[in-house]
N, C-alpha and C. Protein backbone atom coordinates (compact mmCIF):
# COMPACT_ATOMS: atom_id res chain seq x y z
N MET A 1 0.87 -1.29 -0.02
CA MET A 1 -0.03 0.12 0.00
C MET A 1 0.98 1.25 0.03
N LYS A 2 1.81 1.14 0.89
CA LYS A 2 2.89 2.44 0.81
C LYS A 2 3.64 2.65 -0.38
N GLU A 3 3.90 1.65 -1.34
CA GLU A 3 4.52 1.67 -2.40
C GLU A 3 3.61 2.26 -3.61
N GLU A 4 2.27 1.95 -3.54
CA GLU A 4 1.13 2.69 -4.37
C GLU A 4 1.21 4.01 -4.21
N ALA A 5 0.92 4.27 -2.71
CA ALA A 5 1.05 5.74 -2.44
C ALA A 5 2.12 6.69 -3.01
N LEU A 6 3.26 5.87 -2.86
CA LEU A 6 4.60 6.58 -3.27
C LEU A 6 4.61 6.65 -4.96
N VAL A 7 4.26 5.85 -5.54
CA VAL A 7 4.18 5.76 -6.88
C VAL A 7 3.13 6.73 -7.37
N PHE A 8 1.92 6.78 -6.77
CA PHE A 8 1.07 7.93 -7.09
C PHE A 8 1.61 9.18 -6.90
N PHE A 9 2.04 9.54 -5.69
CA PHE A 9 2.66 10.82 -5.19
C PHE A 9 3.55 11.33 -6.35
N LEU A 10 4.57 10.52 -6.95
CA LEU A 10 5.69 10.84 -7.61
C LEU A 10 5.18 11.03 -9.02
N SER A 11 3.98 10.23 -9.27
CA SER A 11 3.61 10.37 -10.91
C SER A 11 2.75 12.06 -10.58
N PHE A 12 2.27 12.22 -9.69
CA PHE A 12 1.53 13.62 -9.43
C PHE A 12 2.53 14.49 -9.55
N ILE A 13 3.64 14.45 -8.90
CA ILE A 13 4.57 15.66 -8.96
C ILE A 13 5.27 15.75 -10.25
N ALA A 14 5.51 14.64 -10.70
CA ALA A 14 5.93 14.85 -12.48
C ALA A 14 4.99 15.41 -13.29
N PHE A 15 3.79 15.20 -12.93
CA PHE A 15 2.71 15.59 -13.94
C PHE A 15 2.55 17.05 -13.57
N ALA A 16 2.64 17.43 -12.48
CA ALA A 16 2.37 19.15 -12.01
C ALA A 16 3.56 19.77 -12.43
N THR A 17 4.74 19.44 -12.63
CA THR A 17 5.97 20.07 -12.89
C THR A 17 6.35 19.78 -14.41
N SER A 18 5.55 19.21 -14.97
CA SER A 18 5.84 19.20 -16.61
C SER A 18 5.86 20.38 -17.42
N THR A 19 6.56 20.30 -18.57
CA THR A 19 6.70 21.62 -19.51
C THR A 19 6.20 21.16 -20.61
N THR A 20 5.46 22.24 -21.28
CA THR A 20 4.76 22.06 -22.60
C THR A 20 5.83 22.69 -23.73
N TYR A 21 6.09 21.56 -24.69
CA TYR A 21 7.01 21.90 -25.57
C TYR A 21 6.39 22.57 -27.13
N PHE A 22 5.02 21.98 -26.99
CA PHE A 22 4.33 22.48 -28.08
C PHE A 22 2.99 22.84 -28.03
N SER A 23 2.43 23.79 -28.57
CA SER A 23 1.07 24.40 -28.27
C SER A 23 0.77 25.06 -29.51
N GLU A 24 -0.75 24.54 -30.03
CA GLU A 24 -1.25 25.29 -31.32
C GLU A 24 -2.65 25.79 -30.83
N ASP A 25 -2.86 27.00 -31.13
CA ASP A 25 -4.19 27.74 -30.87
C ASP A 25 -5.23 27.79 -31.97
N PHE A 26 -4.90 27.60 -33.32
CA PHE A 26 -5.80 27.88 -34.25
C PHE A 26 -6.40 28.80 -34.69
N SER A 27 -5.64 30.08 -34.04
CA SER A 27 -6.62 31.22 -33.99
C SER A 27 -6.67 32.03 -35.43
N SER A 28 -5.86 31.61 -36.34
CA SER A 28 -6.07 32.06 -37.75
C SER A 28 -6.14 31.16 -38.54
N LYS A 29 -6.71 31.47 -39.91
CA LYS A 29 -6.98 30.67 -40.91
C LYS A 29 -5.98 29.95 -41.58
N ASP A 30 -4.81 30.60 -41.34
CA ASP A 30 -3.70 29.83 -41.89
C ASP A 30 -2.65 28.65 -41.13
N SER A 31 -3.88 28.42 -39.95
CA SER A 31 -3.23 27.52 -38.78
C SER A 31 -2.96 25.98 -39.34
N LEU A 32 -3.36 25.64 -40.26
CA LEU A 32 -3.35 24.31 -41.05
C LEU A 32 -2.36 24.08 -41.93
N LYS A 33 -1.57 25.22 -42.33
CA LYS A 33 -0.48 25.15 -43.38
C LYS A 33 0.80 24.37 -42.82
N ASN A 34 1.06 24.33 -41.75
CA ASN A 34 1.89 23.42 -41.26
C ASN A 34 1.69 22.06 -41.04
N TRP A 35 0.48 21.63 -40.88
CA TRP A 35 0.10 20.45 -40.52
C TRP A 35 -0.21 19.70 -41.93
N VAL A 36 0.29 18.37 -42.06
CA VAL A 36 0.62 17.48 -43.17
C VAL A 36 -0.19 16.44 -43.06
N GLN A 37 -0.85 16.09 -43.85
CA GLN A 37 -1.78 14.72 -43.94
C GLN A 37 -0.88 13.51 -44.69
N SER A 38 -0.96 12.53 -43.70
CA SER A 38 -0.18 11.16 -44.24
C SER A 38 -0.86 10.82 -45.53
N THR A 39 0.07 10.20 -46.61
CA THR A 39 -0.42 9.49 -47.85
C THR A 39 -0.27 8.15 -47.37
N VAL A 40 -0.32 7.63 -46.47
CA VAL A 40 -0.06 6.06 -46.19
C VAL A 40 -1.50 5.51 -46.85
N LYS A 41 -2.55 6.08 -46.54
CA LYS A 41 -3.55 5.21 -47.09
C LYS A 41 -3.89 6.04 -48.27
N SER A 42 -5.11 5.61 -49.10
CA SER A 42 -5.01 5.75 -50.42
C SER A 42 -6.04 7.26 -50.00
N GLU A 43 -6.41 8.17 -51.07
CA GLU A 43 -6.83 9.40 -50.89
C GLU A 43 -8.61 9.10 -50.77
N ASP A 44 -9.05 8.02 -51.51
CA ASP A 44 -10.51 7.69 -51.07
C ASP A 44 -10.63 7.18 -49.49
N GLU A 45 -9.62 6.78 -48.82
CA GLU A 45 -9.88 6.21 -47.57
C GLU A 45 -9.49 7.39 -46.48
N ARG A 46 -8.79 8.38 -46.98
CA ARG A 46 -8.34 9.54 -46.17
C ARG A 46 -9.64 10.57 -45.96
N GLY A 47 -9.80 11.01 -44.59
CA GLY A 47 -10.71 12.11 -44.26
C GLY A 47 -10.21 13.43 -44.54
N SER A 48 -10.86 14.47 -44.55
CA SER A 48 -10.77 15.79 -44.46
C SER A 48 -10.80 16.44 -43.04
N ILE A 49 -9.89 17.37 -42.85
CA ILE A 49 -9.72 18.17 -41.53
C ILE A 49 -9.78 19.47 -41.90
N GLY A 50 -10.76 19.95 -40.89
CA GLY A 50 -11.10 21.49 -40.99
C GLY A 50 -10.81 22.21 -39.63
N LEU A 51 -11.18 23.21 -39.59
CA LEU A 51 -11.06 24.38 -38.28
C LEU A 51 -12.75 24.46 -38.12
N SER A 52 -12.94 24.49 -36.73
CA SER A 52 -14.10 24.63 -36.01
C SER A 52 -14.15 24.92 -34.60
N ALA A 53 -15.15 25.98 -34.09
CA ALA A 53 -15.05 25.99 -32.82
C ALA A 53 -16.19 25.43 -31.90
N GLY A 54 -17.02 24.56 -32.94
CA GLY A 54 -18.09 24.04 -32.16
C GLY A 54 -19.43 24.49 -32.30
N LYS A 55 -20.37 23.92 -31.71
CA LYS A 55 -21.95 24.29 -31.73
C LYS A 55 -22.03 25.41 -30.89
N TRP A 56 -21.49 25.50 -29.56
CA TRP A 56 -21.82 26.42 -28.56
C TRP A 56 -20.26 27.22 -28.31
N VAL A 57 -20.23 28.56 -28.76
CA VAL A 57 -18.91 29.28 -28.77
C VAL A 57 -19.35 30.37 -28.12
N THR A 58 -18.42 30.76 -27.28
CA THR A 58 -18.32 32.20 -26.48
C THR A 58 -17.12 33.17 -27.11
N ASP A 59 -16.06 32.47 -27.33
CA ASP A 59 -15.14 33.08 -27.90
C ASP A 59 -14.23 32.16 -28.91
N GLU A 60 -14.55 32.65 -30.48
CA GLU A 60 -14.33 31.83 -31.56
C GLU A 60 -12.99 31.46 -31.69
N ALA A 61 -12.01 32.60 -31.78
CA ALA A 61 -10.94 32.63 -31.77
C ALA A 61 -10.15 31.58 -30.66
N ALA A 62 -10.38 31.75 -29.63
CA ALA A 62 -10.18 30.88 -28.40
C ALA A 62 -10.36 29.47 -28.52
N GLU A 63 -11.53 29.07 -29.09
CA GLU A 63 -11.96 27.55 -29.02
C GLU A 63 -11.90 27.13 -30.31
N THR A 64 -11.29 27.63 -31.35
CA THR A 64 -11.20 27.02 -32.45
C THR A 64 -10.34 25.80 -32.59
N GLY A 65 -10.59 24.58 -32.77
CA GLY A 65 -9.63 23.49 -32.95
C GLY A 65 -9.95 22.47 -34.26
N LEU A 66 -9.12 21.35 -34.44
CA LEU A 66 -9.32 20.52 -35.58
C LEU A 66 -10.85 19.82 -35.44
N LYS A 67 -11.34 19.93 -36.73
CA LYS A 67 -12.45 18.96 -36.74
C LYS A 67 -12.47 18.07 -38.12
N THR A 68 -12.77 16.81 -37.69
CA THR A 68 -12.83 15.81 -38.82
C THR A 68 -14.28 16.03 -39.49
N LEU A 69 -13.85 16.00 -40.78
CA LEU A 69 -15.13 16.54 -41.60
C LEU A 69 -15.93 15.34 -42.46
N ASN A 70 -15.35 14.13 -42.23
CA ASN A 70 -15.93 12.82 -43.02
C ASN A 70 -15.92 11.89 -42.04
N ASP A 71 -17.15 11.02 -41.91
CA ASP A 71 -17.30 9.93 -40.99
C ASP A 71 -16.47 8.50 -41.62
N ALA A 72 -16.00 7.86 -40.96
CA ALA A 72 -15.50 6.55 -41.00
C ALA A 72 -14.30 6.69 -42.16
N ARG A 73 -13.48 7.43 -41.79
CA ARG A 73 -12.09 7.43 -42.47
C ARG A 73 -11.03 7.66 -41.72
N PHE A 74 -9.81 7.67 -42.46
CA PHE A 74 -8.42 7.51 -41.74
C PHE A 74 -8.00 9.11 -41.48
N TYR A 75 -7.66 9.61 -40.34
CA TYR A 75 -6.94 10.71 -40.22
C TYR A 75 -5.62 10.46 -39.55
N VAL A 76 -4.74 10.84 -40.26
CA VAL A 76 -3.37 10.85 -39.97
C VAL A 76 -2.63 12.17 -40.10
N LEU A 77 -2.40 13.09 -39.17
CA LEU A 77 -1.87 14.33 -39.60
C LEU A 77 -0.65 14.25 -38.39
N PHE A 78 0.23 15.17 -39.07
CA PHE A 78 1.53 15.27 -38.18
C PHE A 78 1.89 17.14 -38.54
N PHE A 79 2.48 17.67 -37.45
CA PHE A 79 3.05 19.01 -37.59
C PHE A 79 4.50 19.11 -37.82
N TYR A 80 4.59 20.05 -39.26
CA TYR A 80 5.73 19.98 -39.62
C TYR A 80 6.37 21.43 -38.77
N ILE A 81 7.71 21.24 -38.22
CA ILE A 81 8.18 21.98 -37.47
C ILE A 81 9.38 22.64 -38.25
N PRO A 82 9.33 23.94 -38.64
CA PRO A 82 10.51 24.27 -39.59
C PRO A 82 11.70 24.52 -38.81
């Protein structure tokens, strides 16, 4: 029991002191230009990605994020860091 509590405590400390190395806010319309879609699947199996703030928006610029535009498709994206 003491070992489990110690592991939990150390995990909590590691999480609480973590550093964010990458963050994307999607506030501009050009936010998707550095995102690259994988070509592993054929084009008819790949879905499209767009920007959306959702249905209930209070601040569109702050709440905009990625949205899948097609159902039952493969979505593989990665961010190109220049």
